[in-house]
Amino acid sequence: MQLKLIGHTDSTGNYSAVNLFLSHRRALVASQYITEKLDFPRERVYVTGRAHLKPTVENTSIPMRMKNRRVDLHLEIHNGHALEKLP
């Protein structure tokens, strides 16, 4: 089993200088919580940031931008030779 955490930001700020760092940091903080509080094995966690490149909604208002500031969790379960991805 492997857990992939993908951090995201809204479209405000500078992509390379701010949003990429912030999205990665957001995923890293989530991974620290999961490994420390939920006792998930650290070696099974992969962390990355995507900045503002994959919004879930348009960045046209503050409430909409808040929805794009998130961490997506992907849990991959290895079952024999097959790899199953849970939704």
PDB file of N, CA and C in Angstrom:
ATOM      1  N   MET A   1       0.846  -1.169   0.000  1.00  0.00           N
ATOM      2  CA  MET A   1       0.000   0.000   0.000  1.00  0.00           C
ATOM      3  C   MET A   1       0.893   1.234   0.000  1.00  0.00           C
ATOM      4  N   GLN A   2       0.533   2.224  -0.815  1.00  0.00           N
ATOM      5  CA  GLN A   2       1.272   3.476  -0.895  1.00  0.00           C
ATOM      6  C   GLN A   2       0.277   4.630  -0.915  1.00  0.00           C
ATOM      7  N   LEU A   3       0.640   5.712  -0.238  1.00  0.00           N
ATOM      8  CA  LEU A   3      -0.196   6.901  -0.181  1.00  0.00           C
ATOM      9  C   LEU A   3       0.506   8.029  -0.910  1.00  0.00           C
ATOM     10  N   LYS A   4      -0.182   8.616  -1.877  1.00  0.00           N
ATOM     11  CA  LYS A   4       0.361   9.739  -2.635  1.00  0.00           C
ATOM     12  C   LYS A   4      -0.424  10.990  -2.252  1.00  0.00           C
ATOM     13  N   LEU A   5       0.283  12.026  -1.799  1.00  0.00           N
ATOM     14  CA  LEU A   5      -0.333  13.294  -1.414  1.00  0.00           C
ATOM     15  C   LEU A   5       0.088  14.358  -2.414  1.00  0.00           C
ATOM     16  N   ILE A   6      -0.890  15.026  -3.020  1.00  0.00           N
ATOM     17  CA  ILE A   6      -0.616  16.032  -4.039  1.00  0.00           C
ATOM     18  C   ILE A   6      -1.185  17.366  -3.570  1.00  0.00           C
ATOM     19  N   GLY A   7      -0.300  18.326  -3.325  1.00  0.00           N
ATOM     20  CA  GLY A   7      -0.718  19.644  -2.866  1.00  0.00           C
ATOM     21  C   GLY A   7      -1.074  20.551  -4.028  1.00  0.00           C
ATOM     22  N   HIS A   8      -2.036  21.444  -3.780  1.00  0.00           N
ATOM     23  CA  HIS A   8      -2.503  22.386  -4.798  1.00  0.00           C
ATOM     24  C   HIS A   8      -2.665  23.773  -4.179  1.00  0.00           C
ATOM     25  N   THR A   9      -2.641  24.786  -5.029  1.00  0.00           N
ATOM     26  CA  THR A   9      -2.894  26.163  -4.602  1.00  0.00           C
ATOM     27  C   THR A   9      -3.927  26.783  -5.539  1.00  0.00           C
ATOM     28  N   ASP A  10      -4.333  28.000  -5.219  1.00  0.00           N
ATOM     29  CA  ASP A  10      -5.150  28.744  -6.171  1.00  0.00           C
ATOM     30  C   ASP A  10      -4.205  29.441  -7.155  1.00  0.00           C
ATOM     31  N   SER A  11      -4.740  30.270  -8.035  1.00  0.00           N
ATOM     32  CA  SER A  11      -3.917  30.869  -9.086  1.00  0.00           C
ATOM     33  C   SER A  11      -3.285  32.199  -8.696  1.00  0.00           C
ATOM     34  N   THR A  12      -3.472  32.656  -7.468  1.00  0.00           N
ATOM     35  CA  THR A  12      -2.826  33.901  -7.062  1.00  0.00           C
ATOM     36  C   THR A  12      -1.357  33.632  -6.752  1.00  0.00           C
ATOM     37  N   GLY A  13      -0.533  34.640  -6.889  1.00  0.00           N
ATOM     38  CA  GLY A  13       0.892  34.472  -6.605  1.00  0.00           C
ATOM     39  C   GLY A  13       1.674  34.075  -7.838  1.00  0.00           C
ATOM     40  N   ASN A  14       2.969  33.880  -7.650  1.00  0.00           N
ATOM     41  CA  ASN A  14       3.888  33.532  -8.718  1.00  0.00           C
ATOM     42  C   ASN A  14       4.072  32.022  -8.742  1.00  0.00           C
ATOM     43  N   TYR A  15       3.878  31.397  -9.908  1.00  0.00           N
ATOM     44  CA  TYR A  15       3.945  29.932 -10.019  1.00  0.00           C
ATOM     45  C   TYR A  15       5.248  29.361  -9.477  1.00  0.00           C
ATOM     46  N   SER A  16       6.358  29.763 -10.011  1.00  0.00           N
ATOM     47  CA  SER A  16       7.612  29.105  -9.648  1.00  0.00           C
ATOM     48  C   SER A  16       8.104  29.486  -8.266  1.00  0.00           C
ATOM     49  N   ALA A  17       7.922  30.730  -7.875  1.00  0.00           N
ATOM     50  CA  ALA A  17       8.496  31.189  -6.608  1.00  0.00           C
ATOM     51  C   ALA A  17       7.615  30.883  -5.406  1.00  0.00           C
ATOM     52  N   VAL A  18       6.317  30.905  -5.571  1.00  0.00           N
ATOM     53  CA  VAL A  18       5.426  30.786  -4.423  1.00  0.00           C
ATOM     54  C   VAL A  18       4.543  29.542  -4.486  1.00  0.00           C
ATOM     55  N   ASN A  19       3.773  29.404  -5.533  1.00  0.00           N
ATOM     56  CA  ASN A  19       2.753  28.354  -5.574  1.00  0.00           C
ATOM     57  C   ASN A  19       3.315  26.939  -5.598  1.00  0.00           C
ATOM     58  N   LEU A  20       4.408  26.724  -6.293  1.00  0.00           N
ATOM     59  CA  LEU A  20       4.987  25.384  -6.311  1.00  0.00           C
ATOM     60  C   LEU A  20       5.499  25.005  -4.924  1.00  0.00           C
ATOM     61  N   PHE A  21       6.203  25.933  -4.272  1.00  0.00           N
ATOM     62  CA  PHE A  21       6.686  25.689  -2.912  1.00  0.00           C
ATOM     63  C   PHE A  21       5.516  25.470  -1.957  1.00  0.00           C
ATOM     64  N   LEU A  22       4.513  26.335  -2.039  1.00  0.00           N
ATOM     65  CA  LEU A  22       3.367  26.260  -1.134  1.00  0.00           C
ATOM     66  C   LEU A  22       2.592  24.955  -1.319  1.00  0.00           C
ATOM     67  N   SER A  23       2.393  24.540  -2.549  1.00  0.00           N
ATOM     68  CA  SER A  23       1.644  23.299  -2.786  1.00  0.00           C
ATOM     69  C   SER A  23       2.410  22.087  -2.254  1.00  0.00           C
ATOM     70  N   HIS A  24       3.712  22.073  -2.438  1.00  0.00           N
ATOM     71  CA  HIS A  24       4.517  20.967  -1.906  1.00  0.00           C
ATOM     72  C   HIS A  24       4.503  20.984  -0.384  1.00  0.00           C
ATOM     73  N   ARG A  25       4.629  22.160   0.195  1.00  0.00           N
ATOM     74  CA  ARG A  25       4.624  22.295   1.656  1.00  0.00           C
ATOM     75  C   ARG A  25       3.277  21.859   2.240  1.00  0.00           C
ATOM     76  N   ARG A  26       2.210  22.191   1.559  1.00  0.00           N
ATOM     77  CA  ARG A  26       0.873  21.799   2.005  1.00  0.00           C
ATOM     78  C   ARG A  26       0.757  20.273   2.056  1.00  0.00           C
ATOM     79  N   ALA A  27       1.245  19.594   1.042  1.00  0.00           N
ATOM     80  CA  ALA A  27       1.222  18.129   1.021  1.00  0.00           C
ATOM     81  C   ALA A  27       2.150  17.551   2.085  1.00  0.00           C
ATOM     82  N   LEU A  28       3.286  18.197   2.310  1.00  0.00           N
ATOM     83  CA  LEU A  28       4.232  17.730   3.321  1.00  0.00           C
ATOM     84  C   LEU A  28       3.634  17.805   4.724  1.00  0.00           C
ATOM     85  N   VAL A  29       2.947  18.888   5.026  1.00  0.00           N
ATOM     86  CA  VAL A  29       2.301  19.031   6.339  1.00  0.00           C
ATOM     87  C   VAL A  29       1.237  17.950   6.520  1.00  0.00           C
ATOM     88  N   ALA A  30       0.470  17.680   5.468  1.00  0.00           N
ATOM     89  CA  ALA A  30      -0.536  16.611   5.545  1.00  0.00           C
ATOM     90  C   ALA A  30       0.133  15.260   5.781  1.00  0.00           C
ATOM     91  N   SER A  31       1.268  15.023   5.135  1.00  0.00           N
ATOM     92  CA  SER A  31       1.964  13.745   5.324  1.00  0.00           C
ATOM     93  C   SER A  31       2.505  13.612   6.740  1.00  0.00           C
ATOM     94  N   GLN A  32       2.970  14.705   7.313  1.00  0.00           N
ATOM     95  CA  GLN A  32       3.459  14.661   8.692  1.00  0.00           C
ATOM     96  C   GLN A  32       2.330  14.297   9.650  1.00  0.00           C
ATOM     97  N   TYR A  33       1.166  14.863   9.432  1.00  0.00           N
ATOM     98  CA  TYR A  33       0.019  14.537  10.278  1.00  0.00           C
ATOM     99  C   TYR A  33      -0.335  13.052  10.146  1.00  0.00           C
ATOM    100  N   ILE A  34      -0.412  12.575   8.924  1.00  0.00           N
ATOM    101  CA  ILE A  34      -0.812  11.187   8.676  1.00  0.00           C
ATOM    102  C   ILE A  34       0.195  10.200   9.263  1.00  0.00           C
ATOM    103  N   THR A  35       1.483  10.492   9.127  1.00  0.00           N
ATOM    104  CA  THR A  35       2.489   9.558   9.640  1.00  0.00           C
ATOM    105  C   THR A  35       2.628   9.630  11.153  1.00  0.00           C
ATOM    106  N   GLU A  36       2.476  10.819  11.732  1.00  0.00           N
ATOM    107  CA  GLU A  36       2.651  10.961  13.177  1.00  0.00           C
ATOM    108  C   GLU A  36       1.379  10.641  13.962  1.00  0.00           C
ATOM    109  N   LYS A  37       0.259  11.169  13.547  1.00  0.00           N
ATOM    110  CA  LYS A  37      -0.988  11.001  14.301  1.00  0.00           C
ATOM    111  C   LYS A  37      -1.732   9.720  13.950  1.00  0.00           C
ATOM    112  N   LEU A  38      -1.651   9.302  12.700  1.00  0.00           N
ATOM    113  CA  LEU A  38      -2.384   8.118  12.261  1.00  0.00           C
ATOM    114  C   LEU A  38      -1.480   6.901  12.111  1.00  0.00           C
ATOM    115  N   ASP A  39      -0.200   7.079  12.395  1.00  0.00           N
ATOM    116  CA  ASP A  39       0.780   5.989  12.411  1.00  0.00           C
ATOM    117  C   ASP A  39       0.891   5.270  11.066  1.00  0.00           C
ATOM    118  N   PHE A  40       0.769   6.016   9.977  1.00  0.00           N
ATOM    119  CA  PHE A  40       0.961   5.450   8.640  1.00  0.00           C
ATOM    120  C   PHE A  40       2.463   5.403   8.369  1.00  0.00           C
ATOM    121  N   PRO A  41       2.991   4.314   7.798  1.00  0.00           N
ATOM    122  CA  PRO A  41       4.436   4.197   7.572  1.00  0.00           C
ATOM    123  C   PRO A  41       4.981   5.299   6.650  1.00  0.00           C
ATOM    124  N   ARG A  42       5.949   6.033   7.142  1.00  0.00           N
ATOM    125  CA  ARG A  42       6.528   7.165   6.408  1.00  0.00           C
ATOM    126  C   ARG A  42       7.115   6.740   5.063  1.00  0.00           C
ATOM    127  N   GLU A  43       7.692   5.548   5.007  1.00  0.00           N
ATOM    128  CA  GLU A  43       8.326   5.090   3.770  1.00  0.00           C
ATOM    129  C   GLU A  43       7.308   4.752   2.679  1.00  0.00           C
ATOM    130  N   ARG A  44       6.042   4.761   3.017  1.00  0.00           N
ATOM    131  CA  ARG A  44       4.991   4.470   2.037  1.00  0.00           C
ATOM    132  C   ARG A  44       4.245   5.731   1.590  1.00  0.00           C
ATOM    133  N   VAL A  45       4.780   6.895   1.934  1.00  0.00           N
ATOM    134  CA  VAL A  45       4.137   8.162   1.582  1.00  0.00           C
ATOM    135  C   VAL A  45       4.973   8.892   0.536  1.00  0.00           C
ATOM    136  N   TYR A  46       4.326   9.332  -0.537  1.00  0.00           N
ATOM    137  CA  TYR A  46       4.958  10.110  -1.598  1.00  0.00           C
ATOM    138  C   TYR A  46       4.287  11.480  -1.621  1.00  0.00           C
ATOM    139  N   VAL A  47       5.093  12.543  -1.629  1.00  0.00           N
ATOM    140  CA  VAL A  47       4.575  13.911  -1.553  1.00  0.00           C
ATOM    141  C   VAL A  47       5.014  14.694  -2.785  1.00  0.00           C
ATOM    142  N   THR A  48       4.081  15.453  -3.372  1.00  0.00           N
ATOM    143  CA  THR A  48       4.417  16.327  -4.492  1.00  0.00           C
ATOM    144  C   THR A  48       3.482  17.534  -4.493  1.00  0.00           C
ATOM    145  N   GLY A  49       3.859  18.559  -5.239  1.00  0.00           N
ATOM    146  CA  GLY A  49       3.028  19.753  -5.373  1.00  0.00           C
ATOM    147  C   GLY A  49       2.783  20.059  -6.832  1.00  0.00           C
ATOM    148  N   ARG A  50       1.586  20.540  -7.141  1.00  0.00           N
ATOM    149  CA  ARG A  50       1.227  20.861  -8.520  1.00  0.00           C
ATOM    150  C   ARG A  50       0.903  22.341  -8.716  1.00  0.00           C
ATOM    151  N   ALA A  51       1.157  23.142  -7.679  1.00  0.00           N
ATOM    152  CA  ALA A  51       0.869  24.580  -7.745  1.00  0.00           C
ATOM    153  C   ALA A  51      -0.600  24.802  -8.106  1.00  0.00           C
ATOM    154  N   HIS A  52      -0.857  25.660  -9.088  1.00  0.00           N
ATOM    155  CA  HIS A  52      -2.239  26.003  -9.467  1.00  0.00           C
ATOM    156  C   HIS A  52      -2.666  25.321 -10.770  1.00  0.00           C
ATOM    157  N   LEU A  53      -1.948  24.301 -11.182  1.00  0.00           N
ATOM    158  CA  LEU A  53      -2.164  23.716 -12.507  1.00  0.00           C
ATOM    159  C   LEU A  53      -3.375  22.801 -12.623  1.00  0.00           C
ATOM    160  N   LYS A  54      -3.938  22.341 -11.513  1.00  0.00           N
ATOM    161  CA  LYS A  54      -5.084  21.417 -11.555  1.00  0.00           C
ATOM    162  C   LYS A  54      -6.215  21.927 -10.653  1.00  0.00           C
ATOM    163  N   PRO A  55      -6.828  23.057 -10.990  1.00  0.00           N
ATOM    164  CA  PRO A  55      -7.908  23.564 -10.140  1.00  0.00           C
ATOM    165  C   PRO A  55      -9.149  22.677 -10.228  1.00  0.00           C
ATOM    166  N   THR A  56      -9.911  22.637  -9.128  1.00  0.00           N
ATOM    167  CA  THR A  56     -11.179  21.908  -9.157  1.00  0.00           C
ATOM    168  C   THR A  56     -12.325  22.827  -9.562  1.00  0.00           C
ATOM    169  N   VAL A  57     -12.147  24.116  -9.307  1.00  0.00           N
ATOM    170  CA  VAL A  57     -13.136  25.130  -9.689  1.00  0.00           C
ATOM    171  C   VAL A  57     -12.386  26.340 -10.237  1.00  0.00           C
ATOM    172  N   GLU A  58     -13.111  27.270 -10.857  1.00  0.00           N
ATOM    173  CA  GLU A  58     -12.482  28.490 -11.360  1.00  0.00           C
ATOM    174  C   GLU A  58     -12.006  29.347 -10.193  1.00  0.00           C
ATOM    175  N   ASN A  59     -10.956  30.116 -10.412  1.00  0.00           N
ATOM    176  CA  ASN A  59     -10.374  30.980  -9.387  1.00  0.00           C
ATOM    177  C   ASN A  59     -10.940  32.400  -9.473  1.00  0.00           C
ATOM    178  N   THR A  60     -12.255  32.518  -9.547  1.00  0.00           N
ATOM    179  CA  THR A  60     -12.873  33.818  -9.798  1.00  0.00           C
ATOM    180  C   THR A  60     -13.320  34.559  -8.549  1.00  0.00           C
ATOM    181  N   SER A  61     -13.305  33.910  -7.397  1.00  0.00           N
ATOM    182  CA  SER A  61     -13.712  34.563  -6.151  1.00  0.00           C
ATOM    183  C   SER A  61     -12.955  33.930  -4.987  1.00  0.00           C
ATOM    184  N   ILE A  62     -12.987  34.582  -3.850  1.00  0.00           N
ATOM    185  CA  ILE A  62     -12.291  34.050  -2.673  1.00  0.00           C
ATOM    186  C   ILE A  62     -12.824  32.669  -2.284  1.00  0.00           C
ATOM    187  N   PRO A  63     -14.145  32.476  -2.181  1.00  0.00           N
ATOM    188  CA  PRO A  63     -14.636  31.133  -1.830  1.00  0.00           C
ATOM    189  C   PRO A  63     -14.224  30.055  -2.844  1.00  0.00           C
ATOM    190  N   MET A  64     -14.184  30.415  -4.123  1.00  0.00           N
ATOM    191  CA  MET A  64     -13.775  29.446  -5.149  1.00  0.00           C
ATOM    192  C   MET A  64     -12.282  29.147  -5.023  1.00  0.00           C
ATOM    193  N   ARG A  65     -11.460  30.176  -4.805  1.00  0.00           N
ATOM    194  CA  ARG A  65     -10.018  29.963  -4.645  1.00  0.00           C
ATOM    195  C   ARG A  65      -9.727  29.088  -3.432  1.00  0.00           C
ATOM    196  N   MET A  66     -10.517  29.241  -2.370  1.00  0.00           N
ATOM    197  CA  MET A  66     -10.319  28.423  -1.167  1.00  0.00           C
ATOM    198  C   MET A  66     -10.473  26.932  -1.478  1.00  0.00           C
ATOM    199  N   LYS A  67     -11.355  26.595  -2.401  1.00  0.00           N
ATOM    200  CA  LYS A  67     -11.567  25.184  -2.765  1.00  0.00           C
ATOM    201  C   LYS A  67     -10.374  24.597  -3.512  1.00  0.00           C
ATOM    202  N   ASN A  68      -9.588  25.454  -4.156  1.00  0.00           N
ATOM    203  CA  ASN A  68      -8.414  24.979  -4.884  1.00  0.00           C
ATOM    204  C   ASN A  68      -7.186  24.831  -3.990  1.00  0.00           C
ATOM    205  N   ARG A  69      -7.238  25.352  -2.789  1.00  0.00           N
ATOM    206  CA  ARG A  69      -6.141  25.198  -1.822  1.00  0.00           C
ATOM    207  C   ARG A  69      -6.387  23.897  -1.067  1.00  0.00           C
ATOM    208  N   ARG A  70      -5.798  22.825  -1.559  1.00  0.00           N
ATOM    209  CA  ARG A  70      -6.159  21.505  -1.042  1.00  0.00           C
ATOM    210  C   ARG A  70      -5.009  20.518  -1.188  1.00  0.00           C
ATOM    211  N   VAL A  71      -5.211  19.341  -0.595  1.00  0.00           N
ATOM    212  CA  VAL A  71      -4.311  18.205  -0.785  1.00  0.00           C
ATOM    213  C   VAL A  71      -5.163  17.025  -1.231  1.00  0.00           C
ATOM    214  N   ASP A  72      -4.824  16.453  -2.364  1.00  0.00           N
ATOM    215  CA  ASP A  72      -5.486  15.244  -2.846  1.00  0.00           C
ATOM    216  C   ASP A  72      -4.740  14.036  -2.302  1.00  0.00           C
ATOM    217  N   LEU A  73      -5.482  13.032  -1.872  1.00  0.00           N
ATOM    218  CA  LEU A  73      -4.902  11.791  -1.363  1.00  0.00           C
ATOM    219  C   LEU A  73      -5.252  10.660  -2.317  1.00  0.00           C
ATOM    220  N   HIS A  74      -4.238   9.923  -2.737  1.00  0.00           N
ATOM    221  CA  HIS A  74      -4.432   8.762  -3.597  1.00  0.00           C
ATOM    222  C   HIS A  74      -3.844   7.558  -2.872  1.00  0.00           C
ATOM    223  N   LEU A  75      -4.681   6.600  -2.572  1.00  0.00           N
ATOM    224  CA  LEU A  75      -4.237   5.388  -1.893  1.00  0.00           C
ATOM    225  C   LEU A  75      -4.148   4.270  -2.921  1.00  0.00           C
ATOM    226  N   GLU A  76      -2.950   3.715  -3.081  1.00  0.00           N
ATOM    227  CA  GLU A  76      -2.734   2.626  -4.021  1.00  0.00           C
ATOM    228  C   GLU A  76      -2.532   1.343  -3.231  1.00  0.00           C
ATOM    229  N   ILE A  77      -3.330   0.339  -3.557  1.00  0.00           N
ATOM    230  CA  ILE A  77      -3.253  -0.939  -2.863  1.00  0.00           C
ATOM    231  C   ILE A  77      -2.733  -1.986  -3.834  1.00  0.00           C
ATOM    232  N   HIS A  78      -1.654  -2.641  -3.459  1.00  0.00           N
ATOM    233  CA  HIS A  78      -1.071  -3.695  -4.284  1.00  0.00           C
ATOM    234  C   HIS A  78      -1.702  -5.023  -3.869  1.00  0.00           C
ATOM    235  N   ASN A  79      -2.350  -5.666  -4.821  1.00  0.00           N
ATOM    236  CA  ASN A  79      -3.021  -6.940  -4.570  1.00  0.00           C
ATOM    237  C   ASN A  79      -2.383  -7.982  -5.481  1.00  0.00           C
ATOM    238  N   GLY A  80      -1.407  -8.687  -4.959  1.00  0.00           N
ATOM    239  CA  GLY A  80      -0.676  -9.626  -5.807  1.00  0.00           C
ATOM    240  C   GLY A  80       0.136  -8.858  -6.823  1.00  0.00           C
ATOM    241  N   HIS A  81      -0.122  -9.109  -8.103  1.00  0.00           N
ATOM    242  CA  HIS A  81       0.594  -8.417  -9.166  1.00  0.00           C
ATOM    243  C   HIS A  81      -0.191  -7.222  -9.691  1.00  0.00           C
ATOM    244  N   ALA A  82      -1.429  -7.106  -9.298  1.00  0.00           N
ATOM    245  CA  ALA A  82      -2.265  -6.018  -9.796  1.00  0.00           C
ATOM    246  C   ALA A  82      -2.150  -4.803  -8.884  1.00  0.00           C
ATOM    247  N   LEU A  83      -2.348  -3.648  -9.453  1.00  0.00           N
ATOM    248  CA  LEU A  83      -2.353  -2.401  -8.697  1.00  0.00           C
ATOM    249  C   LEU A  83      -3.745  -1.804  -8.807  1.00  0.00           C
ATOM    250  N   GLU A  84      -4.401  -1.638  -7.676  1.00  0.00           N
ATOM    251  CA  GLU A  84      -5.746  -1.088  -7.657  1.00  0.00           C
ATOM    252  C   GLU A  84      -5.683   0.326  -7.119  1.00  0.00           C
ATOM    253  N   LYS A  85      -6.340   1.261  -7.798  1.00  0.00           N
ATOM    254  CA  LYS A  85      -6.418   2.633  -7.319  1.00  0.00           C
ATOM    255  C   LYS A  85      -7.823   2.875  -6.799  1.00  0.00           C
ATOM    256  N   LEU A  86      -7.903   3.315  -5.565  1.00  0.00           N
ATOM    257  CA  LEU A  86      -9.197   3.624  -4.979  1.00  0.00           C
ATOM    258  C   LEU A  86      -9.603   5.024  -5.384  1.00  0.00           C
ATOM    259  N   PRO A  87     -10.898   5.273  -5.593  1.00  0.00           N
ATOM    260  CA  PRO A  87     -11.348   6.619  -5.978  1.00  0.00           C
ATOM    261  C   PRO A  87     -11.149   7.622  -4.861  1.00  0.00           C
TER     262      PRO A  87
END
